[in-house]
Each structure stands twice: as C-alpha cells, then as structure tokens.
C-alpha cells in the first residue's frame, strides 16, 4: 500500500500533507472527534472510466477511489465513511465497481445525495448501509447509453439489456424498490420531452423505496455516529 493511500485512510500524515491539500487532491477529508473518526469522500461531476475525460470536466477517477475504499475498510483509525454524492453519472463499469466495493464494506457507511445522483450515480447512492437524499436533490433513471460506433445487430441490443439488468439487480438488492418498478421508471416515455426515463426528487425517491430517508448533513453524521457506537458496542460484547 502506498504512503498516499495510508495517509488518506487516516494514519499519521506528513506535515506537508495538509487537510486542505487532501480535499484538493481527492475530494475527501478525515475528521476525528470524541465520537469517532469519519472519512468523508465526495463523488462529484462525472465518474471517469477507462478513457480520460477532457481537462475542463469535473470527474471522479475510479482508480483513486477503489484503493482508497480498500484502505478505509482495513484501517484501524477510521470508524465510518460518509459518501457525498453530486454526480451526473458516467462510466457504468467504473460506477458499479465503486458501488460494489462500498456495499461490501463492514465499515459503517452513509450515503447522502446532494444536488443530483443521476444515472450510474443511483447504484452509488444506494450502496451505503443507510442512504439519504436532500429534499431538493434529484435522481435521473434512464436506459443505458453508449457513445462511439454501435454495430446494429441483435447481439448489441442483448448486450445493452444485460448491462441494464446488472444495474437493476444491484439497485434492487441494495434498496427497497422492486425490479419491475425500477425498470418501469427507467423506460418511461412521458416524463422527459427529449429523452426516455424518469426524474425523481427527494421525497419521491424515499416513497419509491429507492432511498431510505430524507436527510441533511447533520442527520447523516448523527446516523453514522450511531452506527459506529453500535458497532463498537457489539465488538466489546463479542
């Protein structure tokens, strides 16, 4: 494990690695108080996959996030993870990779959608042990898109369908929405004038079972501290 990752996971940092620089480099910060140590990680802009995005595009790089999450899970210094989401989506496999890693963590995790958690941001939003959304935040559910050359043969469309089923399966497993309802929202034709899909907002996302509850930053933190306290108590009793 590199020195950079050990530092991000909450171990002692060099004097030159200031909290401000950590936020600039990784969009994350580590905060310790009497209730525990929280690693706050931001998924912002577009989730970048195997292809580099233009320099003027805000992006989250999966090759940075994946080892960071692994380090957080293994760190004795980090008690919980708060994931802040404001993303337009991006690369499907990169987004699913991050979401799967978060969903498989034993470290207490809370996700909070702020602004938007669109497209592949939806699996990311539901990946936490507790999921929250701000009242004004929105989530766009739509079919898979593909850029570049598309071969117009039946196998291409089957491939699209298989990708969509992977997304649906993950969302259904990690939320309370049914596969049929999510698929219905994904393929709706009356919601957007120039697109296929649906846009849901805070209260609606909760009513659909997509997100657990409406939340603010303070509520997300309090929930995370409660989860940390419960985990520590279980370890002591065990």
C-alpha atoms as a PDB file:
ATOM      1  CA  UNK A   1       0.000   0.000   0.000  1.00  0.00           C
ATOM      2  CA  UNK A   2       1.401   3.372  -0.971  1.00  0.00           C
ATOM      3  CA  UNK A   3       2.167   6.140   1.503  1.00  0.00           C
ATOM      4  CA  UNK A   4      -0.504   8.284  -0.130  1.00  0.00           C
ATOM      5  CA  UNK A   5      -3.215   5.696   0.498  1.00  0.00           C
ATOM      6  CA  UNK A   6      -2.135   5.087   4.088  1.00  0.00           C
ATOM      7  CA  UNK A   7      -2.409   8.779   4.721  1.00  0.00           C
ATOM      8  CA  UNK A   8      -5.859   9.008   3.124  1.00  0.00           C
ATOM      9  CA  UNK A   9      -7.054   6.176   5.340  1.00  0.00           C
ATOM     10  CA  UNK A  10      -6.462   8.251   8.426  1.00  0.00           C
ATOM     11  CA  UNK A  11      -2.959   7.266   9.543  1.00  0.00           C
ATOM     12  CA  UNK A  12      -0.446   9.947  10.575  1.00  0.00           C
ATOM     13  CA  UNK A  13       0.352  12.328   7.756  1.00  0.00           C
ATOM     14  CA  UNK A  14       3.449  14.240   6.852  1.00  0.00           C
ATOM     15  CA  UNK A  15       3.365  17.909   7.721  1.00  0.00           C
ATOM     16  CA  UNK A  16       3.218  18.840   4.050  1.00  0.00           C
ATOM     17  CA  UNK A  17       0.038  16.770   3.536  1.00  0.00           C
ATOM     18  CA  UNK A  18      -2.423  19.306   4.919  1.00  0.00           C
ATOM     19  CA  UNK A  19      -6.177  18.676   5.212  1.00  0.00           C
ATOM     20  CA  UNK A  20      -6.708  21.379   2.601  1.00  0.00           C
ATOM     21  CA  UNK A  21      -4.420  19.587   0.133  1.00  0.00           C
ATOM     22  CA  UNK A  22      -6.184  16.308   0.816  1.00  0.00           C
ATOM     23  CA  UNK A  23      -9.503  17.897  -0.172  1.00  0.00           C
ATOM     24  CA  UNK A  24      -7.973  19.327  -3.355  1.00  0.00           C
ATOM     25  CA  UNK A  25      -6.320  16.047  -4.379  1.00  0.00           C
ATOM     26  CA  UNK A  26      -9.022  13.521  -3.516  1.00  0.00           C
ATOM     27  CA  UNK A  27     -12.193  15.418  -2.632  1.00  0.00           C
ATOM     28  CA  UNK A  28     -12.008  13.804   0.800  1.00  0.00           C
ATOM     29  CA  UNK A  29     -11.200  14.640   4.388  1.00  0.00           C
ATOM     30  CA  UNK A  30     -10.745  12.808   7.681  1.00  0.00           C
ATOM     31  CA  UNK A  31     -12.246  14.281  10.842  1.00  0.00           C
ATOM     32  CA  UNK A  32     -11.739  12.960  14.379  1.00  0.00           C
ATOM     33  CA  UNK A  33     -13.731  13.947  17.434  1.00  0.00           C
ATOM     34  CA  UNK A  34     -14.910  12.361  20.670  1.00  0.00           C
ATOM     35  CA  UNK A  35     -17.441  10.147  18.873  1.00  0.00           C
ATOM     36  CA  UNK A  36     -15.040   8.681  16.331  1.00  0.00           C
ATOM     37  CA  UNK A  37     -13.132   9.223  13.107  1.00  0.00           C
ATOM     38  CA  UNK A  38     -15.101   9.867   9.925  1.00  0.00           C
ATOM     39  CA  UNK A  39     -13.713   9.728   6.408  1.00  0.00           C
ATOM     40  CA  UNK A  40     -15.774  11.984   4.148  1.00  0.00           C
ATOM     41  CA  UNK A  41     -15.479  11.165   0.438  1.00  0.00           C
ATOM     42  CA  UNK A  42     -17.070  13.063  -2.440  1.00  0.00           C
ATOM     43  CA  UNK A  43     -18.254  11.598  -5.734  1.00  0.00           C
ATOM     44  CA  UNK A  44     -18.628  14.685  -7.915  1.00  0.00           C
ATOM     45  CA  UNK A  45     -19.034  15.502 -11.574  1.00  0.00           C
ATOM     46  CA  UNK A  46     -18.666  12.542 -13.917  1.00  0.00           C
ATOM     47  CA  UNK A  47     -17.400   9.113 -12.904  1.00  0.00           C
ATOM     48  CA  UNK A  48     -14.383   8.560 -15.132  1.00  0.00           C
ATOM     49  CA  UNK A  49     -13.801   5.107 -16.598  1.00  0.00           C
ATOM     50  CA  UNK A  50     -11.019   3.708 -18.753  1.00  0.00           C
ATOM     51  CA  UNK A  51     -10.958   6.766 -21.020  1.00  0.00           C
ATOM     52  CA  UNK A  52      -9.660  10.121 -19.798  1.00  0.00           C
ATOM     53  CA  UNK A  53     -12.226  12.907 -19.751  1.00  0.00           C
ATOM     54  CA  UNK A  54     -11.415  16.416 -21.047  1.00  0.00           C
ATOM     55  CA  UNK A  55      -9.441  18.577 -18.648  1.00  0.00           C
ATOM     56  CA  UNK A  56     -12.328  21.024 -18.199  1.00  0.00           C
ATOM     57  CA  UNK A  57     -14.708  18.278 -16.983  1.00  0.00           C
ATOM     58  CA  UNK A  58     -15.139  17.690 -13.264  1.00  0.00           C
ATOM     59  CA  UNK A  59     -14.572  13.996 -12.676  1.00  0.00           C
ATOM     60  CA  UNK A  60     -14.097  11.295 -10.065  1.00  0.00           C
ATOM     61  CA  UNK A  61     -11.423   8.775 -11.012  1.00  0.00           C
ATOM     62  CA  UNK A  62     -12.222   5.198 -10.077  1.00  0.00           C
ATOM     63  CA  UNK A  63      -8.543   4.221  -9.866  1.00  0.00           C
ATOM     64  CA  UNK A  64      -8.217   6.715  -6.996  1.00  0.00           C
ATOM     65  CA  UNK A  65     -11.410   5.750  -5.205  1.00  0.00           C
ATOM     66  CA  UNK A  66     -11.080   1.946  -5.259  1.00  0.00           C
ATOM     67  CA  UNK A  67      -7.786   1.647  -3.339  1.00  0.00           C
ATOM     68  CA  UNK A  68      -8.900   4.429  -1.006  1.00  0.00           C
ATOM     69  CA  UNK A  69     -12.035   2.490  -0.087  1.00  0.00           C
ATOM     70  CA  UNK A  70      -9.997  -0.665   0.481  1.00  0.00           C
ATOM     71  CA  UNK A  71      -7.640   1.285   2.759  1.00  0.00           C
ATOM     72  CA  UNK A  72     -10.563   2.765   4.724  1.00  0.00           C
ATOM     73  CA  UNK A  73     -12.026  -0.702   5.244  1.00  0.00           C
ATOM     74  CA  UNK A  74      -8.746  -2.044   6.604  1.00  0.00           C
ATOM     75  CA  UNK A  75      -7.763   0.997   8.666  1.00  0.00           C
ATOM     76  CA  UNK A  76      -7.935   0.808  12.461  1.00  0.00           C
ATOM     77  CA  UNK A  77      -8.084   4.604  12.534  1.00  0.00           C
ATOM     78  CA  UNK A  78     -11.302   5.133  10.538  1.00  0.00           C
ATOM     79  CA  UNK A  79     -14.634   4.334  12.181  1.00  0.00           C
ATOM     80  CA  UNK A  80     -17.069   5.342   9.426  1.00  0.00           C
ATOM     81  CA  UNK A  81     -17.461   6.545   5.842  1.00  0.00           C
ATOM     82  CA  UNK A  82     -19.685   9.403   4.716  1.00  0.00           C
ATOM     83  CA  UNK A  83     -20.168   9.462   0.948  1.00  0.00           C
ATOM     84  CA  UNK A  84     -21.393  12.782  -0.502  1.00  0.00           C
ATOM     85  CA  UNK A  85     -22.852  12.482  -3.999  1.00  0.00           C
ATOM     86  CA  UNK A  86     -23.394  15.164  -6.606  1.00  0.00           C
ATOM     87  CA  UNK A  87     -22.807  13.361  -9.882  1.00  0.00           C
ATOM     88  CA  UNK A  88     -24.237  13.295 -13.394  1.00  0.00           C
ATOM     89  CA  UNK A  89     -23.228   9.638 -13.767  1.00  0.00           C
ATOM     90  CA  UNK A  90     -20.540   8.410 -16.099  1.00  0.00           C
ATOM     91  CA  UNK A  91     -18.821   5.125 -16.885  1.00  0.00           C
ATOM     92  CA  UNK A  92     -21.052   2.179 -15.987  1.00  0.00           C
ATOM     93  CA  UNK A  93     -18.406  -0.340 -15.009  1.00  0.00           C
ATOM     94  CA  UNK A  94     -16.395   2.193 -13.019  1.00  0.00           C
ATOM     95  CA  UNK A  95     -19.519   3.328 -11.162  1.00  0.00           C
ATOM     96  CA  UNK A  96     -20.610  -0.233 -10.439  1.00  0.00           C
ATOM     97  CA  UNK A  97     -17.102  -1.129  -9.257  1.00  0.00           C
ATOM     98  CA  UNK A  98     -17.146   1.682  -6.690  1.00  0.00           C
ATOM     99  CA  UNK A  99     -20.715   0.864  -5.648  1.00  0.00           C
ATOM    100  CA  UNK A 100     -19.963  -2.845  -5.199  1.00  0.00           C
ATOM    101  CA  UNK A 101     -16.935  -2.039  -3.060  1.00  0.00           C
ATOM    102  CA  UNK A 102     -18.945   0.268  -0.789  1.00  0.00           C
ATOM    103  CA  UNK A 103     -21.802  -2.215  -0.495  1.00  0.00           C
ATOM    104  CA  UNK A 104     -19.343  -4.909   0.595  1.00  0.00           C
ATOM    105  CA  UNK A 105     -17.705  -2.879   3.354  1.00  0.00           C
ATOM    106  CA  UNK A 106     -18.181  -3.731   7.019  1.00  0.00           C
ATOM    107  CA  UNK A 107     -17.214  -0.172   7.969  1.00  0.00           C
ATOM    108  CA  UNK A 108     -20.375   1.846   8.765  1.00  0.00           C
ATOM    109  CA  UNK A 109     -21.331   3.821   5.658  1.00  0.00           C
ATOM    110  CA  UNK A 110     -23.898   6.517   4.956  1.00  0.00           C
ATOM    111  CA  UNK A 111     -24.541   7.977   1.507  1.00  0.00           C
ATOM    112  CA  UNK A 112     -26.071  11.428   1.057  1.00  0.00           C
ATOM    113  CA  UNK A 113     -27.303  12.646  -2.341  1.00  0.00           C
ATOM    114  CA  UNK A 114     -26.867  16.413  -2.693  1.00  0.00           C
ATOM    115  CA  UNK A 115     -27.846  18.200  -5.884  1.00  0.00           C
ATOM    116  CA  UNK A 116     -28.056  15.097  -8.018  1.00  0.00           C
ATOM    117  CA  UNK A 117     -27.305  11.400  -8.116  1.00  0.00           C
ATOM    118  CA  UNK A 118     -28.044  10.634 -11.741  1.00  0.00           C
ATOM    119  CA  UNK A 119     -27.614   7.616 -13.996  1.00  0.00           C
ATOM    120  CA  UNK A 120     -24.844   5.375 -12.628  1.00  0.00           C
ATOM    121  CA  UNK A 121     -24.922   7.647  -9.579  1.00  0.00           C
ATOM    122  CA  UNK A 122     -28.020   5.713  -8.488  1.00  0.00           C
ATOM    123  CA  UNK A 123     -26.129   2.480  -7.663  1.00  0.00           C
ATOM    124  CA  UNK A 124     -23.618   4.655  -5.815  1.00  0.00           C
ATOM    125  CA  UNK A 125     -26.421   6.354  -3.898  1.00  0.00           C
ATOM    126  CA  UNK A 126     -27.951   3.063  -2.725  1.00  0.00           C
ATOM    127  CA  UNK A 127     -24.634   1.378  -1.868  1.00  0.00           C
ATOM    128  CA  UNK A 128     -24.417   2.633   1.725  1.00  0.00           C
ATOM    129  CA  UNK A 129     -25.777   0.820   4.758  1.00  0.00           C
ATOM    130  CA  UNK A 130     -28.038   3.837   5.267  1.00  0.00           C
ATOM    131  CA  UNK A 131     -28.955   6.054   2.311  1.00  0.00           C
ATOM    132  CA  UNK A 132     -30.202   9.635   2.432  1.00  0.00           C
ATOM    133  CA  UNK A 133     -31.174  12.338  -0.040  1.00  0.00           C
ATOM    134  CA  UNK A 134     -31.570  16.096   0.382  1.00  0.00           C
ATOM    135  CA  UNK A 135     -35.143  17.343  -0.197  1.00  0.00           C
ATOM    136  CA  UNK A 136     -34.089  19.357  -3.273  1.00  0.00           C
ATOM    137  CA  UNK A 137     -31.850  16.654  -4.798  1.00  0.00           C
ATOM    138  CA  UNK A 138     -32.854  14.727  -7.905  1.00  0.00           C
ATOM    139  CA  UNK A 139     -32.082  11.369  -9.488  1.00  0.00           C
ATOM    140  CA  UNK A 140     -32.402  10.577 -13.206  1.00  0.00           C
ATOM    141  CA  UNK A 141     -33.226   6.963 -14.052  1.00  0.00           C
ATOM    142  CA  UNK A 142     -32.708   6.122 -17.727  1.00  0.00           C
ATOM    143  CA  UNK A 143     -31.639   3.284 -20.027  1.00  0.00           C
ATOM    144  CA  UNK A 144     -28.004   2.546 -20.815  1.00  0.00           C
ATOM    145  CA  UNK A 145     -26.318   4.867 -23.301  1.00  0.00           C
ATOM    146  CA  UNK A 146     -23.288   4.104 -25.432  1.00  0.00           C
ATOM    147  CA  UNK A 147     -21.088   6.501 -27.359  1.00  0.00           C
ATOM    148  CA  UNK A 148     -18.959   5.757 -30.387  1.00  0.00           C
ATOM    149  CA  UNK A 149     -19.567   3.142 -33.064  1.00  0.00           C
ATOM    150  CA  UNK A 150     -22.550   0.872 -32.441  1.00  0.00           C
ATOM    151  CA  UNK A 151     -22.966  -2.300 -34.504  1.00  0.00           C
ATOM    152  CA  UNK A 152     -26.642  -2.626 -35.438  1.00  0.00           C
ATOM    153  CA  UNK A 153     -27.095  -6.346 -34.791  1.00  0.00           C
ATOM    154  CA  UNK A 154     -29.384  -8.172 -32.331  1.00  0.00           C
ATOM    155  CA  UNK A 155     -26.446  -9.112 -30.084  1.00  0.00           C
ATOM    156  CA  UNK A 156     -25.754  -5.404 -29.450  1.00  0.00           C
ATOM    157  CA  UNK A 157     -29.234  -4.881 -28.103  1.00  0.00           C
ATOM    158  CA  UNK A 158     -28.970  -8.036 -25.976  1.00  0.00           C
ATOM    159  CA  UNK A 159     -25.704  -6.654 -24.597  1.00  0.00           C
ATOM    160  CA  UNK A 160     -27.437  -3.375 -23.691  1.00  0.00           C
ATOM    161  CA  UNK A 161     -30.190  -5.325 -21.960  1.00  0.00           C
ATOM    162  CA  UNK A 162     -27.709  -7.398 -19.965  1.00  0.00           C
ATOM    163  CA  UNK A 163     -25.921  -4.249 -18.775  1.00  0.00           C
ATOM    164  CA  UNK A 164     -29.249  -2.749 -17.692  1.00  0.00           C
ATOM    165  CA  UNK A 165     -30.125  -5.920 -15.802  1.00  0.00           C
ATOM    166  CA  UNK A 166     -26.815  -5.703 -13.915  1.00  0.00           C
ATOM    167  CA  UNK A 167     -27.694  -2.172 -12.807  1.00  0.00           C
ATOM    168  CA  UNK A 168     -31.268  -3.104 -11.908  1.00  0.00           C
ATOM    169  CA  UNK A 169     -30.129  -6.135  -9.915  1.00  0.00           C
ATOM    170  CA  UNK A 170     -27.682  -4.066  -7.857  1.00  0.00           C
ATOM    171  CA  UNK A 171     -30.189  -1.289  -7.151  1.00  0.00           C
ATOM    172  CA  UNK A 172     -32.925  -3.746  -6.148  1.00  0.00           C
ATOM    173  CA  UNK A 173     -30.539  -5.683  -3.869  1.00  0.00           C
ATOM    174  CA  UNK A 174     -29.403  -2.523  -2.073  1.00  0.00           C
ATOM    175  CA  UNK A 175     -32.689  -0.617  -1.810  1.00  0.00           C
ATOM    176  CA  UNK A 176     -36.393  -1.296  -1.276  1.00  0.00           C
ATOM    177  CA  UNK A 177     -37.634  -0.720  -4.811  1.00  0.00           C
ATOM    178  CA  UNK A 178     -38.853  -3.635  -6.930  1.00  0.00           C
ATOM    179  CA  UNK A 179     -37.197  -4.609 -10.206  1.00  0.00           C
ATOM    180  CA  UNK A 180     -40.430  -4.076 -12.147  1.00  0.00           C
ATOM    181  CA  UNK A 181     -40.947  -0.582 -10.720  1.00  0.00           C
ATOM    182  CA  UNK A 182     -37.349   0.464 -11.343  1.00  0.00           C
ATOM    183  CA  UNK A 183     -37.492  -0.876 -14.900  1.00  0.00           C
ATOM    184  CA  UNK A 184     -40.757   0.991 -15.446  1.00  0.00           C
ATOM    185  CA  UNK A 185     -39.128   4.256 -14.334  1.00  0.00           C
ATOM    186  CA  UNK A 186     -36.083   3.559 -16.498  1.00  0.00           C
ATOM    187  CA  UNK A 187     -38.172   3.064 -19.661  1.00  0.00           C
ATOM    188  CA  UNK A 188     -40.837   5.725 -19.098  1.00  0.00           C
ATOM    189  CA  UNK A 189     -41.587   7.831 -22.182  1.00  0.00           C
ATOM    190  CA  UNK A 190     -43.867  10.508 -20.708  1.00  0.00           C
ATOM    191  CA  UNK A 191     -41.503  12.023 -18.116  1.00  0.00           C
ATOM    192  CA  UNK A 192     -38.945  13.865 -20.283  1.00  0.00           C
ATOM    193  CA  UNK A 193     -39.701  15.629 -23.545  1.00  0.00           C
ATOM    194  CA  UNK A 194     -36.494  14.661 -25.345  1.00  0.00           C
ATOM    195  CA  UNK A 195     -35.424  11.501 -23.557  1.00  0.00           C
ATOM    196  CA  UNK A 196     -36.515   8.157 -22.103  1.00  0.00           C
ATOM    197  CA  UNK A 197     -36.550   7.678 -18.356  1.00  0.00           C
ATOM    198  CA  UNK A 198     -37.684   9.422 -15.183  1.00  0.00           C
ATOM    199  CA  UNK A 199     -36.526  12.146 -12.823  1.00  0.00           C
ATOM    200  CA  UNK A 200     -37.383  11.679  -9.156  1.00  0.00           C
ATOM    201  CA  UNK A 201     -36.803  14.129  -6.338  1.00  0.00           C
ATOM    202  CA  UNK A 202     -36.076  13.750  -2.633  1.00  0.00           C
ATOM    203  CA  UNK A 203     -39.450  12.773  -1.150  1.00  0.00           C
ATOM    204  CA  UNK A 204     -40.399  10.734  -4.218  1.00  0.00           C
ATOM    205  CA  UNK A 205     -37.147   8.763  -4.115  1.00  0.00           C
ATOM    206  CA  UNK A 206     -37.918   7.823  -0.499  1.00  0.00           C
ATOM    207  CA  UNK A 207     -41.562   6.961  -1.285  1.00  0.00           C
ATOM    208  CA  UNK A 208     -40.408   4.665  -4.088  1.00  0.00           C
ATOM    209  CA  UNK A 209     -38.077   2.836  -1.717  1.00  0.00           C
ATOM    210  CA  UNK A 210     -35.047   3.877  -3.740  1.00  0.00           C
ATOM    211  CA  UNK A 211     -33.534   5.846  -0.818  1.00  0.00           C
ATOM    212  CA  UNK A 212     -34.057   5.186   2.890  1.00  0.00           C
ATOM    213  CA  UNK A 213     -34.833   8.693   4.096  1.00  0.00           C
ATOM    214  CA  UNK A 214     -34.671  12.434   3.591  1.00  0.00           C
ATOM    215  CA  UNK A 215     -31.554  13.781   5.255  1.00  0.00           C
ATOM    216  CA  UNK A 216     -29.276  16.718   5.870  1.00  0.00           C
ATOM    217  CA  UNK A 217     -25.564  16.705   6.657  1.00  0.00           C
ATOM    218  CA  UNK A 218     -26.146  16.742  10.399  1.00  0.00           C
ATOM    219  CA  UNK A 219     -28.645  13.886  10.162  1.00  0.00           C
ATOM    220  CA  UNK A 220     -26.242  11.839   8.049  1.00  0.00           C
ATOM    221  CA  UNK A 221     -23.434  12.384  10.555  1.00  0.00           C
ATOM    222  CA  UNK A 222     -25.621  11.566  13.552  1.00  0.00           C
ATOM    223  CA  UNK A 223     -26.774   8.377  11.842  1.00  0.00           C
ATOM    224  CA  UNK A 224     -23.179   7.430  11.118  1.00  0.00           C
ATOM    225  CA  UNK A 225     -22.087   8.071  14.719  1.00  0.00           C
ATOM    226  CA  UNK A 226     -24.976   5.910  15.968  1.00  0.00           C
ATOM    227  CA  UNK A 227     -23.842   3.102  13.658  1.00  0.00           C
ATOM    228  CA  UNK A 228     -20.270   3.489  14.917  1.00  0.00           C
ATOM    229  CA  UNK A 229     -21.411   3.368  18.555  1.00  0.00           C
ATOM    230  CA  UNK A 230     -23.455   0.237  17.843  1.00  0.00           C
ATOM    231  CA  UNK A 231     -20.515  -1.465  16.115  1.00  0.00           C
ATOM    232  CA  UNK A 232     -18.131  -0.632  18.973  1.00  0.00           C
ATOM    233  CA  UNK A 233     -20.635  -1.973  21.499  1.00  0.00           C
ATOM    234  CA  UNK A 234     -21.011  -5.230  19.561  1.00  0.00           C
ATOM    235  CA  UNK A 235     -17.219  -5.649  19.428  1.00  0.00           C
ATOM    236  CA  UNK A 236     -16.936  -5.111  23.187  1.00  0.00           C
ATOM    237  CA  UNK A 237     -19.715  -7.619  23.903  1.00  0.00           C
ATOM    238  CA  UNK A 238     -18.202 -10.100  21.449  1.00  0.00           C
END
